[in-house]
Amino acid sequence: MLMLFLQTNVDRIWWLWQQQNLANRAYDISGKEQNGVVTSLDYVLKMNGLAPDRTVRDFMVSNNDYQCFKY
C-alpha cells in the first residue's frame, strides 16, 4: 500500500510541475537508460504481454486514453 501511495504522489508532483507551463512541459523529456541509450518520446515501453507495448509519449500526460486521471 505504501508503494502505491508513493507512486501516486510522484505522479501528482509530476502533474503539478507540468501544469506550471503545460505547453512546454507536457512532452519534456531527457536522460539516458542504464545502458547509455538516450531516452526519447518514441522509446517503446515493453509491457511483456500484460498490455500492448506503448511509447513514453503515451504516458507523458495523465488525461489521455491510456491513463485518464486528473489531480
N, C-alpha and C. Protein backbone atom coordinates (compact mmCIF):
# COMPACT_ATOMS: atom_id res chain seq x y z
N MET A 1 0.81 -1.19 0.00
CA MET A 1 0.00 0.00 0.00
C MET A 1 0.86 1.26 0.00
N LEU A 2 1.94 1.24 0.76
CA LEU A 2 2.83 2.39 0.82
C LEU A 2 3.42 2.69 -0.56
N MET A 3 3.82 1.65 -1.28
CA MET A 3 4.39 1.86 -2.62
C MET A 3 3.38 2.51 -3.56
N LEU A 4 2.13 2.10 -3.49
CA LEU A 4 1.08 2.71 -4.31
C LEU A 4 0.95 4.18 -3.97
N PHE A 5 0.94 4.51 -2.69
CA PHE A 5 0.85 5.91 -2.27
C PHE A 5 2.05 6.70 -2.80
N LEU A 6 3.24 6.16 -2.67
CA LEU A 6 4.43 6.87 -3.13
C LEU A 6 4.40 7.10 -4.63
N GLN A 7 4.01 6.10 -5.41
CA GLN A 7 3.95 6.27 -6.86
C GLN A 7 2.88 7.28 -7.24
N THR A 8 1.75 7.24 -6.56
CA THR A 8 0.68 8.19 -6.83
C THR A 8 1.15 9.61 -6.54
N ASN A 9 1.91 9.79 -5.47
CA ASN A 9 2.40 11.12 -5.13
C ASN A 9 3.44 11.59 -6.15
N VAL A 10 4.28 10.71 -6.65
CA VAL A 10 5.23 11.07 -7.70
C VAL A 10 4.46 11.54 -8.93
N ASP A 11 3.41 10.81 -9.30
CA ASP A 11 2.58 11.22 -10.44
C ASP A 11 1.95 12.59 -10.20
N ARG A 12 1.47 12.83 -8.99
CA ARG A 12 0.85 14.11 -8.65
C ARG A 12 1.87 15.25 -8.74
N ILE A 13 3.07 15.05 -8.23
CA ILE A 13 4.12 16.07 -8.30
C ILE A 13 4.49 16.35 -9.75
N TRP A 14 4.60 15.31 -10.56
CA TRP A 14 4.87 15.46 -11.99
C TRP A 14 3.78 16.30 -12.64
N TRP A 15 2.51 15.98 -12.32
CA TRP A 15 1.38 16.70 -12.89
C TRP A 15 1.43 18.17 -12.49
N LEU A 16 1.71 18.46 -11.20
CA LEU A 16 1.80 19.85 -10.75
C LEU A 16 2.90 20.60 -11.49
N TRP A 17 4.04 19.97 -11.68
CA TRP A 17 5.15 20.57 -12.41
C TRP A 17 4.73 20.88 -13.85
N GLN A 18 4.08 19.92 -14.51
CA GLN A 18 3.63 20.14 -15.89
C GLN A 18 2.66 21.30 -15.98
N GLN A 19 1.74 21.43 -15.03
CA GLN A 19 0.70 22.45 -15.09
C GLN A 19 1.26 23.86 -15.01
N GLN A 20 2.46 24.03 -14.49
CA GLN A 20 3.06 25.35 -14.39
C GLN A 20 3.40 25.93 -15.75
N ASN A 21 3.60 25.08 -16.75
CA ASN A 21 3.90 25.53 -18.11
C ASN A 21 3.58 24.37 -19.06
N LEU A 22 2.32 24.01 -19.16
CA LEU A 22 1.91 22.81 -19.88
C LEU A 22 2.37 22.79 -21.33
N ALA A 23 2.34 23.91 -22.00
CA ALA A 23 2.73 23.94 -23.42
C ALA A 23 4.17 23.46 -23.62
N ASN A 24 5.04 23.78 -22.68
CA ASN A 24 6.45 23.39 -22.80
C ASN A 24 6.82 22.14 -22.02
N ARG A 25 6.01 21.75 -21.04
CA ARG A 25 6.39 20.64 -20.18
C ARG A 25 5.63 19.34 -20.42
N ALA A 26 4.55 19.39 -21.18
CA ALA A 26 3.73 18.18 -21.37
C ALA A 26 4.56 17.04 -21.97
N TYR A 27 5.47 17.36 -22.85
CA TYR A 27 6.26 16.32 -23.51
C TYR A 27 7.76 16.57 -23.36
N ASP A 28 8.15 17.18 -22.24
CA ASP A 28 9.56 17.45 -21.95
C ASP A 28 10.20 16.18 -21.41
N ILE A 29 11.28 15.76 -22.03
CA ILE A 29 11.96 14.53 -21.60
C ILE A 29 13.45 14.65 -21.90
N SER A 30 14.25 14.06 -21.03
CA SER A 30 15.68 13.96 -21.29
C SER A 30 16.23 12.85 -20.40
N GLY A 31 17.40 12.40 -20.73
CA GLY A 31 18.03 11.38 -19.91
C GLY A 31 18.45 10.17 -20.73
N LYS A 32 19.08 9.25 -20.03
CA LYS A 32 19.57 8.03 -20.67
C LYS A 32 19.13 6.82 -19.88
N GLU A 33 19.01 5.71 -20.59
CA GLU A 33 18.77 4.43 -19.94
C GLU A 33 20.05 3.99 -19.23
N GLN A 34 19.95 2.92 -18.48
CA GLN A 34 21.12 2.39 -17.79
C GLN A 34 22.22 1.98 -18.76
N ASN A 35 21.85 1.56 -19.97
CA ASN A 35 22.87 1.13 -20.93
C ASN A 35 23.39 2.28 -21.79
N GLY A 36 23.01 3.53 -21.46
CA GLY A 36 23.52 4.71 -22.14
C GLY A 36 22.73 5.17 -23.34
N VAL A 37 21.67 4.46 -23.71
CA VAL A 37 20.83 4.87 -24.84
C VAL A 37 20.01 6.09 -24.43
N VAL A 38 19.98 7.12 -25.28
CA VAL A 38 19.21 8.32 -24.98
C VAL A 38 17.72 7.99 -25.05
N THR A 39 16.99 8.37 -24.02
CA THR A 39 15.55 8.14 -23.98
C THR A 39 14.85 9.23 -24.77
N SER A 40 13.82 8.86 -25.50
CA SER A 40 13.04 9.82 -26.27
C SER A 40 11.56 9.52 -26.10
N LEU A 41 10.72 10.40 -26.62
CA LEU A 41 9.28 10.19 -26.56
C LEU A 41 8.86 8.95 -27.32
N ASP A 42 9.66 8.52 -28.28
CA ASP A 42 9.32 7.36 -29.11
C ASP A 42 9.88 6.05 -28.56
N TYR A 43 10.54 6.11 -27.42
CA TYR A 43 11.07 4.90 -26.79
C TYR A 43 9.90 3.98 -26.43
N VAL A 44 10.00 2.73 -26.80
CA VAL A 44 8.91 1.77 -26.57
C VAL A 44 9.06 1.13 -25.19
N LEU A 45 7.99 1.20 -24.42
CA LEU A 45 7.93 0.55 -23.11
C LEU A 45 7.31 -0.82 -23.31
N LYS A 46 8.07 -1.84 -23.04
CA LYS A 46 7.61 -3.22 -23.22
C LYS A 46 6.68 -3.61 -22.06
N MET A 47 5.50 -4.10 -22.39
CA MET A 47 4.52 -4.49 -21.38
C MET A 47 4.50 -6.01 -21.16
N ASN A 48 5.37 -6.73 -21.87
CA ASN A 48 5.53 -8.17 -21.68
C ASN A 48 4.21 -8.94 -21.72
N GLY A 49 3.34 -8.55 -22.63
CA GLY A 49 2.08 -9.27 -22.82
C GLY A 49 0.97 -8.88 -21.86
N LEU A 50 1.26 -8.05 -20.87
CA LEU A 50 0.22 -7.62 -19.93
C LEU A 50 -0.71 -6.57 -20.55
N ALA A 51 -0.19 -5.85 -21.52
CA ALA A 51 -0.93 -4.83 -22.25
C ALA A 51 -0.15 -4.58 -23.53
N PRO A 52 -0.75 -3.88 -24.48
CA PRO A 52 0.02 -3.55 -25.69
C PRO A 52 1.23 -2.68 -25.34
N ASP A 53 2.35 -2.88 -26.03
CA ASP A 53 3.51 -2.02 -25.84
C ASP A 53 3.12 -0.59 -26.19
N ARG A 54 3.66 0.36 -25.47
CA ARG A 54 3.37 1.78 -25.67
C ARG A 54 4.67 2.57 -25.67
N THR A 55 4.60 3.79 -26.18
CA THR A 55 5.77 4.67 -26.15
C THR A 55 5.70 5.56 -24.92
N VAL A 56 6.84 6.15 -24.58
CA VAL A 56 6.89 7.10 -23.47
C VAL A 56 5.88 8.22 -23.72
N ARG A 57 5.75 8.67 -24.95
CA ARG A 57 4.82 9.74 -25.31
C ARG A 57 3.39 9.43 -24.82
N ASP A 58 3.01 8.16 -24.88
CA ASP A 58 1.66 7.77 -24.47
C ASP A 58 1.38 8.02 -23.00
N PHE A 59 2.43 8.16 -22.18
CA PHE A 59 2.24 8.30 -20.74
C PHE A 59 2.69 9.64 -20.18
N MET A 60 3.02 10.58 -21.04
CA MET A 60 3.54 11.86 -20.56
C MET A 60 2.48 12.76 -19.94
N VAL A 61 1.25 12.65 -20.37
CA VAL A 61 0.17 13.45 -19.76
C VAL A 61 -0.84 12.48 -19.16
N SER A 62 -1.48 12.91 -18.09
CA SER A 62 -2.34 11.99 -17.34
C SER A 62 -3.76 11.88 -17.86
N ASN A 63 -4.22 12.85 -18.61
CA ASN A 63 -5.62 12.80 -19.05
C ASN A 63 -5.73 12.40 -20.53
N ASN A 64 -5.13 11.26 -20.86
CA ASN A 64 -5.20 10.75 -22.22
C ASN A 64 -5.94 9.41 -22.23
N ASP A 65 -5.97 8.75 -23.36
CA ASP A 65 -6.71 7.49 -23.49
C ASP A 65 -6.10 6.35 -22.68
N TYR A 66 -4.83 6.46 -22.29
CA TYR A 66 -4.16 5.37 -21.60
C TYR A 66 -4.22 5.48 -20.08
N GLN A 67 -4.29 6.71 -19.57
CA GLN A 67 -4.26 6.90 -18.12
C GLN A 67 -5.56 7.48 -17.59
N CYS A 68 -6.01 8.58 -18.16
CA CYS A 68 -7.31 9.16 -17.86
C CYS A 68 -7.52 9.47 -16.37
N PHE A 69 -6.65 10.30 -15.79
CA PHE A 69 -6.86 10.78 -14.43
C PHE A 69 -6.39 12.21 -14.31
N LYS A 70 -6.94 12.92 -13.34
CA LYS A 70 -6.56 14.30 -13.05
C LYS A 70 -6.39 14.44 -11.55
N TYR A 71 -5.61 15.44 -11.15
CA TYR A 71 -5.45 15.75 -9.72
C TYR A 71 -6.16 17.04 -9.43
